[in-house]
């Protein structure tokens, strides 16, 4: 996966929320969105 830089457009994605409901980037069209990832959550690394 390519690394994004500040100001780059977000790639299309689908992710589940804390209630296991799926969401896509287009669900937030026209609104500001902040995503925070925990890349090593629940892993030994």
N, C-alpha and C. Protein backbone atom coordinates (compact mmCIF):
# COMPACT_ATOMS: atom_id res chain seq x y z
N UNK A 1 0.84 -1.17 0.00
CA UNK A 1 0.00 0.00 0.00
C UNK A 1 0.89 1.24 0.00
N UNK A 2 0.52 2.21 -0.77
CA UNK A 2 1.29 3.45 -0.87
C UNK A 2 1.11 4.30 0.39
N UNK A 3 2.12 5.06 0.71
CA UNK A 3 2.06 5.97 1.85
C UNK A 3 1.43 7.28 1.40
N UNK A 4 0.50 7.79 2.19
CA UNK A 4 -0.14 9.06 1.88
C UNK A 4 0.62 10.21 2.52
N UNK A 5 0.52 11.35 1.92
CA UNK A 5 1.10 12.57 2.46
C UNK A 5 -0.02 13.52 2.84
N UNK A 6 0.26 14.48 3.73
CA UNK A 6 -0.78 15.46 4.07
C UNK A 6 -1.34 16.12 2.82
N UNK A 7 -2.66 16.20 2.75
CA UNK A 7 -3.32 16.82 1.61
C UNK A 7 -3.72 15.85 0.53
N UNK A 8 -3.20 14.60 0.59
CA UNK A 8 -3.59 13.60 -0.41
C UNK A 8 -5.05 13.19 -0.20
N UNK A 9 -5.71 12.85 -1.29
CA UNK A 9 -7.08 12.33 -1.19
C UNK A 9 -7.03 10.93 -0.60
N UNK A 10 -7.97 10.63 0.26
CA UNK A 10 -8.03 9.30 0.86
C UNK A 10 -8.48 8.28 -0.17
N UNK A 11 -7.90 7.09 -0.14
CA UNK A 11 -8.36 6.05 -1.04
C UNK A 11 -9.72 5.51 -0.57
N UNK A 12 -10.47 4.93 -1.48
CA UNK A 12 -11.75 4.32 -1.10
C UNK A 12 -11.49 3.21 -0.09
N UNK A 13 -12.35 3.11 0.91
CA UNK A 13 -12.18 2.06 1.92
C UNK A 13 -13.53 1.66 2.48
N UNK A 14 -13.54 0.51 3.13
CA UNK A 14 -14.68 0.08 3.93
C UNK A 14 -14.10 -0.43 5.24
N UNK A 15 -14.69 0.01 6.35
CA UNK A 15 -14.25 -0.41 7.67
C UNK A 15 -15.45 -0.52 8.58
N UNK A 16 -15.34 -1.37 9.60
CA UNK A 16 -16.42 -1.55 10.56
C UNK A 16 -16.19 -0.67 11.78
N UNK A 17 -17.30 -0.17 12.33
CA UNK A 17 -17.20 0.64 13.55
C UNK A 17 -17.26 -0.25 14.79
N UNK A 18 -17.33 0.36 15.96
CA UNK A 18 -17.33 -0.38 17.21
C UNK A 18 -18.55 -1.27 17.38
N UNK A 19 -19.58 -1.04 16.58
CA UNK A 19 -20.79 -1.86 16.62
C UNK A 19 -20.85 -2.86 15.46
N UNK A 20 -19.70 -3.03 14.80
CA UNK A 20 -19.55 -3.94 13.67
C UNK A 20 -20.40 -3.55 12.47
N UNK A 21 -20.73 -2.26 12.35
CA UNK A 21 -21.48 -1.74 11.20
C UNK A 21 -20.48 -1.24 10.16
N UNK A 22 -20.63 -1.65 8.90
CA UNK A 22 -19.69 -1.21 7.87
C UNK A 22 -19.93 0.25 7.45
N UNK A 23 -18.85 0.93 7.14
CA UNK A 23 -18.89 2.30 6.65
C UNK A 23 -17.88 2.42 5.52
N UNK A 24 -18.20 3.28 4.55
CA UNK A 24 -17.27 3.55 3.45
C UNK A 24 -16.92 5.04 3.47
N UNK A 25 -15.89 5.39 2.73
CA UNK A 25 -15.49 6.79 2.64
C UNK A 25 -16.63 7.64 2.11
N UNK A 26 -17.38 7.13 1.17
CA UNK A 26 -18.47 7.91 0.58
C UNK A 26 -19.59 8.20 1.59
N UNK A 27 -19.68 7.42 2.67
CA UNK A 27 -20.67 7.69 3.72
C UNK A 27 -20.44 9.07 4.36
N UNK A 28 -19.22 9.58 4.25
CA UNK A 28 -18.84 10.83 4.89
C UNK A 28 -18.61 11.95 3.88
N UNK A 29 -19.09 11.77 2.68
CA UNK A 29 -18.90 12.76 1.62
C UNK A 29 -19.40 14.14 2.05
N UNK A 30 -18.56 15.15 1.84
CA UNK A 30 -18.92 16.53 2.18
C UNK A 30 -18.68 16.89 3.64
N UNK A 31 -18.17 15.94 4.42
CA UNK A 31 -17.89 16.21 5.84
C UNK A 31 -16.43 15.93 6.12
N UNK A 32 -15.91 16.55 7.16
CA UNK A 32 -14.54 16.26 7.58
C UNK A 32 -14.52 14.92 8.30
N UNK A 33 -13.44 14.18 8.08
CA UNK A 33 -13.33 12.85 8.66
C UNK A 33 -11.92 12.67 9.19
N UNK A 34 -11.81 12.18 10.41
CA UNK A 34 -10.51 11.88 11.00
C UNK A 34 -10.49 10.40 11.33
N UNK A 35 -9.50 9.70 10.79
CA UNK A 35 -9.34 8.28 11.05
C UNK A 35 -8.07 8.07 11.85
N UNK A 36 -8.15 7.23 12.85
CA UNK A 36 -6.97 6.89 13.65
C UNK A 36 -6.83 5.38 13.62
N UNK A 37 -5.68 4.92 13.18
CA UNK A 37 -5.42 3.49 13.06
C UNK A 37 -4.46 3.03 14.13
N UNK A 38 -4.68 1.84 14.62
CA UNK A 38 -3.77 1.17 15.54
C UNK A 38 -3.17 -0.02 14.78
N UNK A 39 -2.10 0.20 14.03
CA UNK A 39 -1.60 -0.86 13.15
C UNK A 39 -1.11 -2.11 13.87
N UNK A 40 -0.73 -2.00 15.12
CA UNK A 40 -0.24 -3.19 15.82
C UNK A 40 -1.16 -3.59 16.97
N UNK A 41 -2.39 -3.11 16.97
CA UNK A 41 -3.32 -3.47 18.03
C UNK A 41 -3.61 -4.97 17.98
N UNK A 42 -3.64 -5.56 19.12
CA UNK A 42 -3.92 -7.00 19.25
C UNK A 42 -2.92 -7.90 18.53
N UNK A 43 -1.68 -7.42 18.42
CA UNK A 43 -0.63 -8.26 17.83
C UNK A 43 0.54 -8.30 18.82
N UNK A 44 1.44 -9.20 18.57
CA UNK A 44 2.62 -9.31 19.43
C UNK A 44 3.72 -8.33 19.04
N UNK A 45 3.56 -7.64 17.90
CA UNK A 45 4.60 -6.75 17.40
C UNK A 45 4.45 -5.42 17.88
